[in-house]
């Protein structure tokens, strides 16, 4: 993950795609689907961080 103090910015997509390839998952499919999943994950984690520091 890419993070800064107090916030999550996103995933390291290079690492994500390398992991997908190593697991035998189509990198094309991963590249299409994961950005939307990443956006939800980032939003939810940052909401939780905000609640814990708020």
N, C-alpha and C. Protein backbone atom coordinates (compact mmCIF):
# COMPACT_ATOMS: atom_id res chain seq x y z
N UNK A 1 0.83 -1.17 0.00
CA UNK A 1 0.00 0.00 0.00
C UNK A 1 0.88 1.24 0.00
N UNK A 2 0.34 2.28 -0.56
CA UNK A 2 0.98 3.59 -0.52
C UNK A 2 0.28 4.37 0.59
N UNK A 3 1.06 4.82 1.56
CA UNK A 3 0.47 5.53 2.70
C UNK A 3 1.30 6.77 3.04
N UNK A 4 0.64 7.70 3.70
CA UNK A 4 1.29 8.85 4.31
C UNK A 4 0.79 8.87 5.75
N UNK A 5 1.46 9.59 6.63
CA UNK A 5 0.97 9.64 8.01
C UNK A 5 -0.50 10.08 8.07
N UNK A 6 -1.34 9.21 8.58
CA UNK A 6 -2.75 9.53 8.76
C UNK A 6 -3.65 9.21 7.59
N UNK A 7 -3.14 8.63 6.52
CA UNK A 7 -4.00 8.34 5.36
C UNK A 7 -3.40 7.25 4.49
N UNK A 8 -4.29 6.50 3.86
CA UNK A 8 -3.93 5.51 2.86
C UNK A 8 -4.18 6.14 1.50
N UNK A 9 -3.20 6.06 0.61
CA UNK A 9 -3.34 6.64 -0.73
C UNK A 9 -3.79 5.62 -1.76
N UNK A 10 -3.38 4.38 -1.59
CA UNK A 10 -3.76 3.35 -2.56
C UNK A 10 -2.81 2.18 -2.52
N UNK A 11 -2.95 1.34 -3.51
CA UNK A 11 -2.10 0.16 -3.64
C UNK A 11 -0.93 0.47 -4.55
N UNK A 12 0.13 -0.26 -4.39
CA UNK A 12 1.24 -0.24 -5.34
C UNK A 12 0.81 -1.16 -6.48
N UNK A 13 0.29 -0.57 -7.55
CA UNK A 13 -0.30 -1.37 -8.63
C UNK A 13 0.73 -2.25 -9.33
N UNK A 14 1.98 -1.83 -9.38
CA UNK A 14 3.01 -2.70 -9.95
C UNK A 14 3.12 -3.99 -9.16
N UNK A 15 3.11 -3.85 -7.83
CA UNK A 15 3.17 -5.04 -6.97
C UNK A 15 1.91 -5.87 -7.09
N UNK A 16 0.77 -5.20 -7.18
CA UNK A 16 -0.51 -5.91 -7.31
C UNK A 16 -0.53 -6.73 -8.60
N UNK A 17 -0.11 -6.14 -9.69
CA UNK A 17 -0.12 -6.85 -10.96
C UNK A 17 0.91 -7.99 -10.98
N UNK A 18 2.06 -7.78 -10.34
CA UNK A 18 3.05 -8.86 -10.24
C UNK A 18 2.49 -10.02 -9.42
N UNK A 19 1.77 -9.70 -8.35
CA UNK A 19 1.15 -10.74 -7.52
C UNK A 19 0.08 -11.48 -8.31
N UNK A 20 -0.73 -10.74 -9.05
CA UNK A 20 -1.77 -11.38 -9.88
C UNK A 20 -1.13 -12.34 -10.87
N UNK A 21 -0.08 -11.90 -11.52
CA UNK A 21 0.60 -12.75 -12.50
C UNK A 21 1.18 -14.00 -11.82
N UNK A 22 1.79 -13.82 -10.65
CA UNK A 22 2.37 -14.96 -9.93
C UNK A 22 1.29 -15.96 -9.51
N UNK A 23 0.08 -15.46 -9.26
CA UNK A 23 -1.02 -16.33 -8.85
C UNK A 23 -1.78 -16.92 -10.04
N UNK A 24 -1.37 -16.54 -11.25
CA UNK A 24 -2.03 -17.06 -12.43
C UNK A 24 -3.30 -16.34 -12.81
N UNK A 25 -3.50 -15.15 -12.24
CA UNK A 25 -4.67 -14.33 -12.56
C UNK A 25 -4.32 -13.45 -13.76
N UNK A 26 -5.23 -13.31 -14.67
CA UNK A 26 -5.00 -12.46 -15.84
C UNK A 26 -4.69 -11.03 -15.39
N UNK A 27 -3.53 -10.51 -15.80
CA UNK A 27 -3.19 -9.14 -15.42
C UNK A 27 -4.10 -8.13 -16.11
N UNK A 28 -4.62 -8.46 -17.27
CA UNK A 28 -5.58 -7.58 -17.95
C UNK A 28 -6.85 -7.44 -17.11
N UNK A 29 -7.36 -8.56 -16.62
CA UNK A 29 -8.56 -8.51 -15.79
C UNK A 29 -8.26 -7.78 -14.48
N UNK A 30 -7.12 -8.08 -13.87
CA UNK A 30 -6.75 -7.41 -12.63
C UNK A 30 -6.65 -5.90 -12.84
N UNK A 31 -6.04 -5.48 -13.94
CA UNK A 31 -5.90 -4.05 -14.23
C UNK A 31 -7.24 -3.38 -14.45
N UNK A 32 -8.21 -4.12 -14.95
CA UNK A 32 -9.55 -3.56 -15.17
C UNK A 32 -10.36 -3.47 -13.87
N UNK A 33 -10.26 -4.49 -13.04
CA UNK A 33 -11.14 -4.58 -11.86
C UNK A 33 -10.57 -3.93 -10.60
N UNK A 34 -9.28 -4.04 -10.39
CA UNK A 34 -8.71 -3.63 -9.11
C UNK A 34 -8.77 -2.14 -8.81
N UNK A 35 -8.68 -1.23 -9.78
CA UNK A 35 -8.79 0.20 -9.41
C UNK A 35 -10.11 0.55 -8.73
N UNK A 36 -11.19 -0.06 -9.14
CA UNK A 36 -12.47 0.22 -8.48
C UNK A 36 -12.49 -0.35 -7.07
N UNK A 37 -11.93 -1.54 -6.89
CA UNK A 37 -11.85 -2.15 -5.57
C UNK A 37 -10.91 -1.32 -4.69
N UNK A 38 -9.81 -0.87 -5.26
CA UNK A 38 -8.86 -0.04 -4.53
C UNK A 38 -9.52 1.24 -4.02
N UNK A 39 -10.33 1.88 -4.85
CA UNK A 39 -10.98 3.12 -4.45
C UNK A 39 -11.88 2.92 -3.23
N UNK A 40 -12.63 1.83 -3.21
CA UNK A 40 -13.49 1.54 -2.06
C UNK A 40 -12.64 1.26 -0.82
N UNK A 41 -11.59 0.47 -0.98
CA UNK A 41 -10.72 0.15 0.13
C UNK A 41 -10.10 1.41 0.72
N UNK A 42 -9.60 2.29 -0.13
CA UNK A 42 -8.97 3.53 0.33
C UNK A 42 -9.98 4.38 1.09
N UNK A 43 -11.16 4.53 0.54
CA UNK A 43 -12.20 5.35 1.17
C UNK A 43 -12.56 4.80 2.55
N UNK A 44 -12.78 3.50 2.65
CA UNK A 44 -13.18 2.88 3.92
C UNK A 44 -12.06 2.93 4.95
N UNK A 45 -10.83 2.64 4.54
CA UNK A 45 -9.71 2.71 5.49
C UNK A 45 -9.50 4.13 6.00
N UNK A 46 -9.61 5.12 5.12
CA UNK A 46 -9.44 6.50 5.55
C UNK A 46 -10.59 6.95 6.46
N UNK A 47 -11.79 6.44 6.24
CA UNK A 47 -12.89 6.72 7.15
C UNK A 47 -12.58 6.16 8.54
N UNK A 48 -12.06 4.95 8.59
CA UNK A 48 -11.71 4.34 9.87
C UNK A 48 -10.58 5.09 10.55
N UNK A 49 -9.59 5.50 9.78
CA UNK A 49 -8.48 6.29 10.35
C UNK A 49 -9.02 7.59 10.93
N UNK A 50 -9.92 8.24 10.20
CA UNK A 50 -10.52 9.49 10.67
C UNK A 50 -11.31 9.32 11.95
N UNK A 51 -12.03 8.22 12.06
CA UNK A 51 -12.81 7.94 13.27
C UNK A 51 -11.89 7.71 14.47
N UNK A 52 -10.76 7.05 14.23
CA UNK A 52 -9.84 6.75 15.32
C UNK A 52 -9.01 7.95 15.75
N UNK A 53 -8.89 8.95 14.87
CA UNK A 53 -8.09 10.14 15.21
C UNK A 53 -8.95 11.39 15.36
N UNK A 54 -10.25 11.20 15.30
CA UNK A 54 -11.13 12.34 15.25
C UNK A 54 -11.56 12.92 16.50
